[in-house]
PDB file of N, CA and C in Angstrom:
ATOM      1  N   UNK A   1      29.443  -0.505  32.623  1.00  0.00           N
ATOM      2  CA  UNK A   1      29.204   0.454  31.567  1.00  0.00           C
ATOM      3  C   UNK A   1      29.353  -0.190  30.202  1.00  0.00           C
ATOM      4  N   UNK A   2      30.226  -1.175  30.082  1.00  0.00           N
ATOM      5  CA  UNK A   2      30.396  -1.841  28.797  1.00  0.00           C
ATOM      6  C   UNK A   2      29.145  -2.605  28.386  1.00  0.00           C
ATOM      7  N   UNK A   3      28.331  -3.029  29.394  1.00  0.00           N
ATOM      8  CA  UNK A   3      27.081  -3.714  29.066  1.00  0.00           C
ATOM      9  C   UNK A   3      26.127  -2.796  28.329  1.00  0.00           C
ATOM     10  N   UNK A   4      26.034  -1.557  28.768  1.00  0.00           N
ATOM     11  CA  UNK A   4      25.150  -0.603  28.096  1.00  0.00           C
ATOM     12  C   UNK A   4      25.567  -0.390  26.655  1.00  0.00           C
ATOM     13  N   UNK A   5      26.852  -0.304  26.417  1.00  0.00           N
ATOM     14  CA  UNK A   5      27.346  -0.106  25.062  1.00  0.00           C
ATOM     15  C   UNK A   5      26.987  -1.304  24.195  1.00  0.00           C
ATOM     16  N   UNK A   6      27.180  -2.522  24.725  1.00  0.00           N
ATOM     17  CA  UNK A   6      26.872  -3.706  23.935  1.00  0.00           C
ATOM     18  C   UNK A   6      25.370  -3.817  23.673  1.00  0.00           C
ATOM     19  N   UNK A   7      24.537  -3.463  24.662  1.00  0.00           N
ATOM     20  CA  UNK A   7      23.090  -3.487  24.445  1.00  0.00           C
ATOM     21  C   UNK A   7      22.685  -2.475  23.377  1.00  0.00           C
ATOM     22  N   UNK A   8      23.290  -1.301  23.405  1.00  0.00           N
ATOM     23  CA  UNK A   8      22.993  -0.283  22.407  1.00  0.00           C
ATOM     24  C   UNK A   8      23.424  -0.757  21.029  1.00  0.00           C
ATOM     25  N   UNK A   9      24.612  -1.347  20.946  1.00  0.00           N
ATOM     26  CA  UNK A   9      25.092  -1.867  19.672  1.00  0.00           C
ATOM     27  C   UNK A   9      24.179  -2.973  19.152  1.00  0.00           C
ATOM     28  N   UNK A  10      23.703  -3.823  20.051  1.00  0.00           N
ATOM     29  CA  UNK A  10      22.812  -4.916  19.662  1.00  0.00           C
ATOM     30  C   UNK A  10      21.491  -4.359  19.126  1.00  0.00           C
ATOM     31  N   UNK A  11      20.968  -3.343  19.783  1.00  0.00           N
ATOM     32  CA  UNK A  11      19.725  -2.726  19.340  1.00  0.00           C
ATOM     33  C   UNK A  11      19.902  -2.090  17.966  1.00  0.00           C
ATOM     34  N   UNK A  12      21.018  -1.412  17.764  1.00  0.00           N
ATOM     35  CA  UNK A  12      21.287  -0.787  16.468  1.00  0.00           C
ATOM     36  C   UNK A  12      21.398  -1.836  15.369  1.00  0.00           C
ATOM     37  N   UNK A  13      22.048  -2.966  15.659  1.00  0.00           N
ATOM     38  CA  UNK A  13      22.204  -3.990  14.635  1.00  0.00           C
ATOM     39  C   UNK A  13      20.867  -4.632  14.282  1.00  0.00           C
ATOM     40  N   UNK A  14      19.976  -4.812  15.282  1.00  0.00           N
ATOM     41  CA  UNK A  14      18.657  -5.368  15.003  1.00  0.00           C
ATOM     42  C   UNK A  14      17.845  -4.406  14.146  1.00  0.00           C
ATOM     43  N   UNK A  15      17.966  -3.108  14.415  1.00  0.00           N
ATOM     44  CA  UNK A  15      17.229  -2.112  13.653  1.00  0.00           C
ATOM     45  C   UNK A  15      17.753  -2.044  12.232  1.00  0.00           C
ATOM     46  N   UNK A  16      19.060  -2.107  12.057  1.00  0.00           N
ATOM     47  CA  UNK A  16      19.620  -1.996  10.719  1.00  0.00           C
ATOM     48  C   UNK A  16      19.375  -3.267   9.898  1.00  0.00           C
ATOM     49  N   UNK A  17      19.173  -4.417  10.559  1.00  0.00           N
ATOM     50  CA  UNK A  17      18.909  -5.654   9.844  1.00  0.00           C
ATOM     51  C   UNK A  17      17.481  -5.724   9.317  1.00  0.00           C
ATOM     52  N   UNK A  18      16.566  -4.984   9.931  1.00  0.00           N
ATOM     53  CA  UNK A  18      15.174  -5.013   9.520  1.00  0.00           C
ATOM     54  C   UNK A  18      15.038  -4.423   8.124  1.00  0.00           C
ATOM     55  N   UNK A  19      14.258  -5.088   7.301  1.00  0.00           N
ATOM     56  CA  UNK A  19      14.074  -4.648   5.931  1.00  0.00           C
ATOM     57  C   UNK A  19      13.188  -3.405   5.874  1.00  0.00           C
ATOM     58  N   UNK A  20      13.526  -2.495   4.985  1.00  0.00           N
ATOM     59  CA  UNK A  20      12.770  -1.261   4.819  1.00  0.00           C
ATOM     60  C   UNK A  20      11.401  -1.585   4.226  1.00  0.00           C
ATOM     61  N   UNK A  21      10.362  -1.074   4.848  1.00  0.00           N
ATOM     62  CA  UNK A  21       8.992  -1.291   4.390  1.00  0.00           C
ATOM     63  C   UNK A  21       8.388   0.061   4.052  1.00  0.00           C
ATOM     64  N   UNK A  22       8.139   0.300   2.773  1.00  0.00           N
ATOM     65  CA  UNK A  22       7.646   1.604   2.336  1.00  0.00           C
ATOM     66  C   UNK A  22       6.291   1.939   2.943  1.00  0.00           C
ATOM     67  N   UNK A  23       5.496   0.938   3.266  1.00  0.00           N
ATOM     68  CA  UNK A  23       4.170   1.188   3.819  1.00  0.00           C
ATOM     69  C   UNK A  23       4.191   1.483   5.315  1.00  0.00           C
ATOM     70  N   UNK A  24       5.311   1.226   5.974  1.00  0.00           N
ATOM     71  CA  UNK A  24       5.388   1.470   7.414  1.00  0.00           C
ATOM     72  C   UNK A  24       6.511   2.419   7.800  1.00  0.00           C
ATOM     73  N   UNK A  25       7.557   2.515   6.987  1.00  0.00           N
ATOM     74  CA  UNK A  25       8.741   3.287   7.349  1.00  0.00           C
ATOM     75  C   UNK A  25       8.886   4.594   6.579  1.00  0.00           C
ATOM     76  N   UNK A  26       7.886   4.999   5.862  1.00  0.00           N
ATOM     77  CA  UNK A  26       7.971   6.228   5.075  1.00  0.00           C
ATOM     78  C   UNK A  26       6.704   7.055   5.286  1.00  0.00           C
ATOM     79  N   UNK A  27       6.704   8.271   4.809  1.00  0.00           N
ATOM     80  CA  UNK A  27       5.496   9.099   4.933  1.00  0.00           C
ATOM     81  C   UNK A  27       4.271   8.521   4.211  1.00  0.00           C
ATOM     82  N   UNK A  28       4.466   7.542   3.368  1.00  0.00           N
ATOM     83  CA  UNK A  28       3.347   6.894   2.675  1.00  0.00           C
ATOM     84  C   UNK A  28       2.368   6.293   3.688  1.00  0.00           C
ATOM     85  N   UNK A  29       2.863   5.921   4.854  1.00  0.00           N
ATOM     86  CA  UNK A  29       1.992   5.290   5.851  1.00  0.00           C
ATOM     87  C   UNK A  29       0.846   6.197   6.277  1.00  0.00           C
ATOM     88  N   UNK A  30       1.037   7.504   6.157  1.00  0.00           N
ATOM     89  CA  UNK A  30      -0.016   8.430   6.575  1.00  0.00           C
ATOM     90  C   UNK A  30      -1.198   8.446   5.607  1.00  0.00           C
ATOM     91  N   UNK A  31      -1.010   7.904   4.416  1.00  0.00           N
ATOM     92  CA  UNK A  31      -2.126   7.779   3.478  1.00  0.00           C
ATOM     93  C   UNK A  31      -3.188   6.846   4.069  1.00  0.00           C
ATOM     94  N   UNK A  32      -2.763   5.901   4.871  1.00  0.00           N
ATOM     95  CA  UNK A  32      -3.692   4.981   5.514  1.00  0.00           C
ATOM     96  C   UNK A  32      -4.651   5.655   6.482  1.00  0.00           C
ATOM     97  N   UNK A  33      -4.357   6.883   6.834  1.00  0.00           N
ATOM     98  CA  UNK A  33      -5.224   7.636   7.743  1.00  0.00           C
ATOM     99  C   UNK A  33      -6.093   8.650   7.005  1.00  0.00           C
ATOM    100  N   UNK A  34      -6.132   8.582   5.699  1.00  0.00           N
ATOM    101  CA  UNK A  34      -6.888   9.577   4.935  1.00  0.00           C
ATOM    102  C   UNK A  34      -8.376   9.556   5.267  1.00  0.00           C
ATOM    103  N   UNK A  35      -8.920   8.393   5.564  1.00  0.00           N
ATOM    104  CA  UNK A  35     -10.336   8.334   5.922  1.00  0.00           C
ATOM    105  C   UNK A  35     -10.617   9.048   7.242  1.00  0.00           C
ATOM    106  N   UNK A  36      -9.651   9.065   8.136  1.00  0.00           N
ATOM    107  CA  UNK A  36      -9.820   9.782   9.401  1.00  0.00           C
ATOM    108  C   UNK A  36      -9.910  11.286   9.163  1.00  0.00           C
ATOM    109  N   UNK A  37      -9.113  11.766   8.230  1.00  0.00           N
ATOM    110  CA  UNK A  37      -9.174  13.189   7.890  1.00  0.00           C
ATOM    111  C   UNK A  37     -10.516  13.506   7.235  1.00  0.00           C
ATOM    112  N   UNK A  38     -10.950  12.631   6.349  1.00  0.00           N
ATOM    113  CA  UNK A  38     -12.258  12.819   5.715  1.00  0.00           C
ATOM    114  C   UNK A  38     -13.392  12.857   6.724  1.00  0.00           C
ATOM    115  N   UNK A  39     -13.327  11.965   7.712  1.00  0.00           N
ATOM    116  CA  UNK A  39     -14.362  11.946   8.745  1.00  0.00           C
ATOM    117  C   UNK A  39     -14.299  13.192   9.629  1.00  0.00           C
ATOM    118  N   UNK A  40     -13.101  13.653   9.914  1.00  0.00           N
ATOM    119  CA  UNK A  40     -12.959  14.848  10.742  1.00  0.00           C
ATOM    120  C   UNK A  40     -13.527  16.083  10.046  1.00  0.00           C
ATOM    121  N   UNK A  41     -13.447  16.087   8.719  1.00  0.00           N
ATOM    122  CA  UNK A  41     -13.913  17.237   7.947  1.00  0.00           C
ATOM    123  C   UNK A  41     -15.311  17.029   7.365  1.00  0.00           C
ATOM    124  N   UNK A  42     -15.992  15.982   7.768  1.00  0.00           N
ATOM    125  CA  UNK A  42     -17.301  15.624   7.209  1.00  0.00           C
ATOM    126  C   UNK A  42     -18.293  16.793   7.230  1.00  0.00           C
ATOM    127  N   UNK A  43     -18.277  17.596   8.261  1.00  0.00           N
ATOM    128  CA  UNK A  43     -19.243  18.693   8.404  1.00  0.00           C
ATOM    129  C   UNK A  43     -18.934  19.886   7.496  1.00  0.00           C
ATOM    130  N   UNK A  44     -17.698  19.985   7.036  1.00  0.00           N
ATOM    131  CA  UNK A  44     -17.306  21.179   6.280  1.00  0.00           C
ATOM    132  C   UNK A  44     -16.958  20.916   4.821  1.00  0.00           C
ATOM    133  N   UNK A  45     -16.888  19.661   4.427  1.00  0.00           N
ATOM    134  CA  UNK A  45     -16.604  19.348   3.022  1.00  0.00           C
ATOM    135  C   UNK A  45     -17.741  18.508   2.455  1.00  0.00           C
ATOM    136  N   UNK A  46     -17.897  18.522   1.136  1.00  0.00           N
ATOM    137  CA  UNK A  46     -18.947  17.691   0.526  1.00  0.00           C
ATOM    138  C   UNK A  46     -18.701  16.196   0.796  1.00  0.00           C
ATOM    139  N   UNK A  47     -19.783  15.431   0.871  1.00  0.00           N
ATOM    140  CA  UNK A  47     -19.689  14.004   1.187  1.00  0.00           C
ATOM    141  C   UNK A  47     -18.901  13.219   0.143  1.00  0.00           C
ATOM    142  N   UNK A  48     -18.851  13.693  -1.090  1.00  0.00           N
ATOM    143  CA  UNK A  48     -18.079  12.965  -2.107  1.00  0.00           C
ATOM    144  C   UNK A  48     -16.592  12.944  -1.750  1.00  0.00           C
ATOM    145  N   UNK A  49     -16.114  13.975  -1.065  1.00  0.00           N
ATOM    146  CA  UNK A  49     -14.712  13.987  -0.650  1.00  0.00           C
ATOM    147  C   UNK A  49     -14.471  13.048   0.533  1.00  0.00           C
ATOM    148  N   UNK A  50     -15.457  12.923   1.378  1.00  0.00           N
ATOM    149  CA  UNK A  50     -15.354  11.962   2.481  1.00  0.00           C
ATOM    150  C   UNK A  50     -15.285  10.544   1.911  1.00  0.00           C
ATOM    151  N   UNK A  51     -16.147  10.250   0.949  1.00  0.00           N
ATOM    152  CA  UNK A  51     -16.135   8.930   0.308  1.00  0.00           C
ATOM    153  C   UNK A  51     -14.808   8.695  -0.413  1.00  0.00           C
ATOM    154  N   UNK A  52     -14.293   9.738  -1.054  1.00  0.00           N
ATOM    155  CA  UNK A  52     -13.020   9.611  -1.757  1.00  0.00           C
ATOM    156  C   UNK A  52     -11.883   9.321  -0.776  1.00  0.00           C
ATOM    157  N   UNK A  53     -11.950   9.871   0.427  1.00  0.00           N
ATOM    158  CA  UNK A  53     -10.909   9.587   1.418  1.00  0.00           C
ATOM    159  C   UNK A  53     -10.907   8.111   1.790  1.00  0.00           C
ATOM    160  N   UNK A  54     -12.088   7.487   1.791  1.00  0.00           N
ATOM    161  CA  UNK A  54     -12.166   6.041   2.050  1.00  0.00           C
ATOM    162  C   UNK A  54     -11.595   5.238   0.884  1.00  0.00           C
ATOM    163  N   UNK A  55     -11.822   5.689  -0.326  1.00  0.00           N
ATOM    164  CA  UNK A  55     -11.261   5.012  -1.504  1.00  0.00           C
ATOM    165  C   UNK A  55      -9.737   5.016  -1.426  1.00  0.00           C
ATOM    166  N   UNK A  56      -9.170   6.159  -1.073  1.00  0.00           N
ATOM    167  CA  UNK A  56      -7.713   6.263  -0.949  1.00  0.00           C
ATOM    168  C   UNK A  56      -7.198   5.299   0.119  1.00  0.00           C
ATOM    169  N   UNK A  57      -7.871   5.244   1.252  1.00  0.00           N
ATOM    170  CA  UNK A  57      -7.443   4.361   2.338  1.00  0.00           C
ATOM    171  C   UNK A  57      -7.553   2.896   1.938  1.00  0.00           C
ATOM    172  N   UNK A  58      -8.585   2.530   1.222  1.00  0.00           N
ATOM    173  CA  UNK A  58      -8.768   1.139   0.787  1.00  0.00           C
ATOM    174  C   UNK A  58      -7.697   0.742  -0.220  1.00  0.00           C
ATOM    175  N   UNK A  59      -7.361   1.656  -1.111  1.00  0.00           N
ATOM    176  CA  UNK A  59      -6.281   1.379  -2.076  1.00  0.00           C
ATOM    177  C   UNK A  59      -4.963   1.170  -1.332  1.00  0.00           C
ATOM    178  N   UNK A  60      -4.703   2.007  -0.345  1.00  0.00           N
ATOM    179  CA  UNK A  60      -3.494   1.849   0.477  1.00  0.00           C
ATOM    180  C   UNK A  60      -3.492   0.481   1.160  1.00  0.00           C
ATOM    181  N   UNK A  61      -4.610   0.110   1.763  1.00  0.00           N
ATOM    182  CA  UNK A  61      -4.726  -1.161   2.477  1.00  0.00           C
ATOM    183  C   UNK A  61      -4.432  -2.349   1.563  1.00  0.00           C
ATOM    184  N   UNK A  62      -5.086  -2.383   0.390  1.00  0.00           N
ATOM    185  CA  UNK A  62      -4.869  -3.511  -0.516  1.00  0.00           C
ATOM    186  C   UNK A  62      -3.461  -3.501  -1.103  1.00  0.00           C
ATOM    187  N   UNK A  63      -2.894  -2.332  -1.332  1.00  0.00           N
ATOM    188  CA  UNK A  63      -1.518  -2.264  -1.825  1.00  0.00           C
ATOM    189  C   UNK A  63      -0.553  -2.848  -0.810  1.00  0.00           C
ATOM    190  N   UNK A  64      -0.756  -2.508   0.450  1.00  0.00           N
ATOM    191  CA  UNK A  64       0.098  -3.042   1.510  1.00  0.00           C
ATOM    192  C   UNK A  64      -0.057  -4.562   1.612  1.00  0.00           C
ATOM    193  N   UNK A  65      -1.284  -5.048   1.572  1.00  0.00           N
ATOM    194  CA  UNK A  65      -1.518  -6.498   1.658  1.00  0.00           C
ATOM    195  C   UNK A  65      -0.913  -7.231   0.459  1.00  0.00           C
ATOM    196  N   UNK A  66      -1.081  -6.679  -0.736  1.00  0.00           N
ATOM    197  CA  UNK A  66      -0.492  -7.310  -1.925  1.00  0.00           C
ATOM    198  C   UNK A  66       1.030  -7.285  -1.881  1.00  0.00           C
ATOM    199  N   UNK A  67       1.581  -6.200  -1.394  1.00  0.00           N
ATOM    200  CA  UNK A  67       3.034  -6.092  -1.272  1.00  0.00           C
ATOM    201  C   UNK A  67       3.583  -7.162  -0.325  1.00  0.00           C
ATOM    202  N   UNK A  68       2.923  -7.329   0.824  1.00  0.00           N
ATOM    203  CA  UNK A  68       3.366  -8.342   1.788  1.00  0.00           C
ATOM    204  C   UNK A  68       3.184  -9.751   1.220  1.00  0.00           C
ATOM    205  N   UNK A  69       2.089  -9.989   0.517  1.00  0.00           N
ATOM    206  CA  UNK A  69       1.862 -11.293  -0.098  1.00  0.00           C
ATOM    207  C   UNK A  69       2.874 -11.608  -1.176  1.00  0.00           C
ATOM    208  N   UNK A  70       3.224 -10.619  -1.964  1.00  0.00           N
ATOM    209  CA  UNK A  70       4.214 -10.812  -3.033  1.00  0.00           C
ATOM    210  C   UNK A  70       5.588 -11.139  -2.437  1.00  0.00           C
ATOM    211  N   UNK A  71       5.957 -10.424  -1.373  1.00  0.00           N
ATOM    212  CA  UNK A  71       7.230 -10.717  -0.709  1.00  0.00           C
ATOM    213  C   UNK A  71       7.225 -12.118  -0.129  1.00  0.00           C
ATOM    214  N   UNK A  72       6.103 -12.535   0.469  1.00  0.00           N
ATOM    215  CA  UNK A  72       6.012 -13.874   1.049  1.00  0.00           C
ATOM    216  C   UNK A  72       6.078 -14.944  -0.038  1.00  0.00           C
ATOM    217  N   UNK A  73       5.452 -14.680  -1.174  1.00  0.00           N
ATOM    218  CA  UNK A  73       5.449 -15.650  -2.276  1.00  0.00           C
ATOM    219  C   UNK A  73       6.864 -15.858  -2.819  1.00  0.00           C
ATOM    220  N   UNK A  74       7.657 -14.799  -2.838  1.00  0.00           N
ATOM    221  CA  UNK A  74       9.021 -14.887  -3.364  1.00  0.00           C
ATOM    222  C   UNK A  74      10.060 -15.175  -2.283  1.00  0.00           C
ATOM    223  N   UNK A  75       9.621 -15.464  -1.074  1.00  0.00           N
ATOM    224  CA  UNK A  75      10.519 -15.744   0.037  1.00  0.00           C
ATOM    225  C   UNK A  75      11.186 -17.109  -0.162  1.00  0.00           C
ATOM    226  N   UNK A  76      12.519 -17.132  -0.265  1.00  0.00           N
ATOM    227  CA  UNK A  76      13.195 -18.428  -0.460  1.00  0.00           C
ATOM    228  C   UNK A  76      13.127 -19.325   0.783  1.00  0.00           C
ATOM    229  N   UNK A  77      12.839 -18.746   1.938  1.00  0.00           N
ATOM    230  CA  UNK A  77      12.764 -19.517   3.179  1.00  0.00           C
ATOM    231  C   UNK A  77      11.333 -19.880   3.548  1.00  0.00           C
ATOM    232  N   UNK A  78      10.420 -19.802   2.597  1.00  0.00           N
ATOM    233  CA  UNK A  78       9.011 -20.109   2.858  1.00  0.00           C
ATOM    234  C   UNK A  78       8.841 -21.590   3.180  1.00  0.00           C
ATOM    235  N   UNK A  79       7.892 -21.904   4.052  1.00  0.00           N
ATOM    236  CA  UNK A  79       7.634 -23.321   4.357  1.00  0.00           C
ATOM    237  C   UNK A  79       7.004 -24.033   3.161  1.00  0.00           C
ATOM    238  N   UNK A  80       6.786 -25.335   3.320  1.00  0.00           N
ATOM    239  CA  UNK A  80       6.247 -26.137   2.219  1.00  0.00           C
ATOM    240  C   UNK A  80       4.873 -25.665   1.768  1.00  0.00           C
ATOM    241  N   UNK A  81       4.031 -25.272   2.702  1.00  0.00           N
ATOM    242  CA  UNK A  81       2.693 -24.806   2.353  1.00  0.00           C
ATOM    243  C   UNK A  81       2.762 -23.312   1.997  1.00  0.00           C
ATOM    244  N   UNK A  82       3.123 -23.025   0.759  1.00  0.00           N
ATOM    245  CA  UNK A  82       3.363 -21.656   0.305  1.00  0.00           C
ATOM    246  C   UNK A  82       2.100 -20.807   0.366  1.00  0.00           C
ATOM    247  N   UNK A  83       0.969 -21.374  -0.019  1.00  0.00           N
ATOM    248  CA  UNK A  83      -0.266 -20.594  -0.047  1.00  0.00           C
ATOM    249  C   UNK A  83      -0.684 -20.145   1.355  1.00  0.00           C
ATOM    250  N   UNK A  84      -0.529 -21.002   2.330  1.00  0.00           N
ATOM    251  CA  UNK A  84      -0.847 -20.628   3.705  1.00  0.00           C
ATOM    252  C   UNK A  84       0.120 -19.556   4.204  1.00  0.00           C
ATOM    253  N   UNK A  85       1.383 -19.678   3.837  1.00  0.00           N
ATOM    254  CA  UNK A  85       2.398 -18.697   4.214  1.00  0.00           C
ATOM    255  C   UNK A  85       2.046 -17.322   3.636  1.00  0.00           C
ATOM    256  N   UNK A  86       1.666 -17.277   2.374  1.00  0.00           N
ATOM    257  CA  UNK A  86       1.285 -16.019   1.722  1.00  0.00           C
ATOM    258  C   UNK A  86       0.033 -15.441   2.378  1.00  0.00           C
ATOM    259  N   UNK A  87      -0.919 -16.279   2.669  1.00  0.00           N
ATOM    260  CA  UNK A  87      -2.154 -15.821   3.313  1.00  0.00           C
ATOM    261  C   UNK A  87      -1.875 -15.223   4.694  1.00  0.00           C
ATOM    262  N   UNK A  88      -1.022 -15.859   5.461  1.00  0.00           N
ATOM    263  CA  UNK A  88      -0.682 -15.358   6.792  1.00  0.00           C
ATOM    264  C   UNK A  88       0.018 -14.002   6.694  1.00  0.00           C
ATOM    265  N   UNK A  89       0.984 -13.892   5.802  1.00  0.00           N
ATOM    266  CA  UNK A  89       1.732 -12.644   5.669  1.00  0.00           C
ATOM    267  C   UNK A  89       0.846 -11.519   5.136  1.00  0.00           C
ATOM    268  N   UNK A  90      -0.041 -11.840   4.205  1.00  0.00           N
ATOM    269  CA  UNK A  90      -0.918 -10.822   3.638  1.00  0.00           C
ATOM    270  C   UNK A  90      -1.944 -10.360   4.655  1.00  0.00           C
ATOM    271  N   UNK A  91      -2.490 -11.283   5.415  1.00  0.00           N
ATOM    272  CA  UNK A  91      -3.518 -10.922   6.380  1.00  0.00           C
ATOM    273  C   UNK A  91      -2.947 -10.254   7.622  1.00  0.00           C
ATOM    274  N   UNK A  92      -1.643 -10.283   7.771  1.00  0.00           N
ATOM    275  CA  UNK A  92      -0.999  -9.614   8.904  1.00  0.00           C
ATOM    276  C   UNK A  92      -1.230  -8.105   8.854  1.00  0.00           C
ATOM    277  N   UNK A  93      -1.447  -7.559   7.682  1.00  0.00           N
ATOM    278  CA  UNK A  93      -1.683  -6.117   7.554  1.00  0.00           C
ATOM    279  C   UNK A  93      -3.040  -5.713   8.090  1.00  0.00           C
ATOM    280  N   UNK A  94      -3.939  -6.676   8.214  1.00  0.00           N
ATOM    281  CA  UNK A  94      -5.285  -6.369   8.732  1.00  0.00           C
ATOM    282  C   UNK A  94      -5.155  -6.128  10.191  1.00  0.00           C
TER     283      UNK A  94
END
């Protein structure tokens, strides 16, 4: 039984060590699905609103990628090839 407790404690510590990501750990993440809502409502709303839902989703996407790239650029543990490191971290959102 003590093993279960230690495994639970280990899981909790790994979760608490993870850095908070506003684009994945908050309700902001649902903005990334705005184009899906626009497509679902395509038959009942004007097309300009469907297009606007894509604009919102694209802004969310680039904001997330820029945020990850900025964090990677300022990472003190980054490898020698900083530009490749930033590119990898930024493209991870794709």
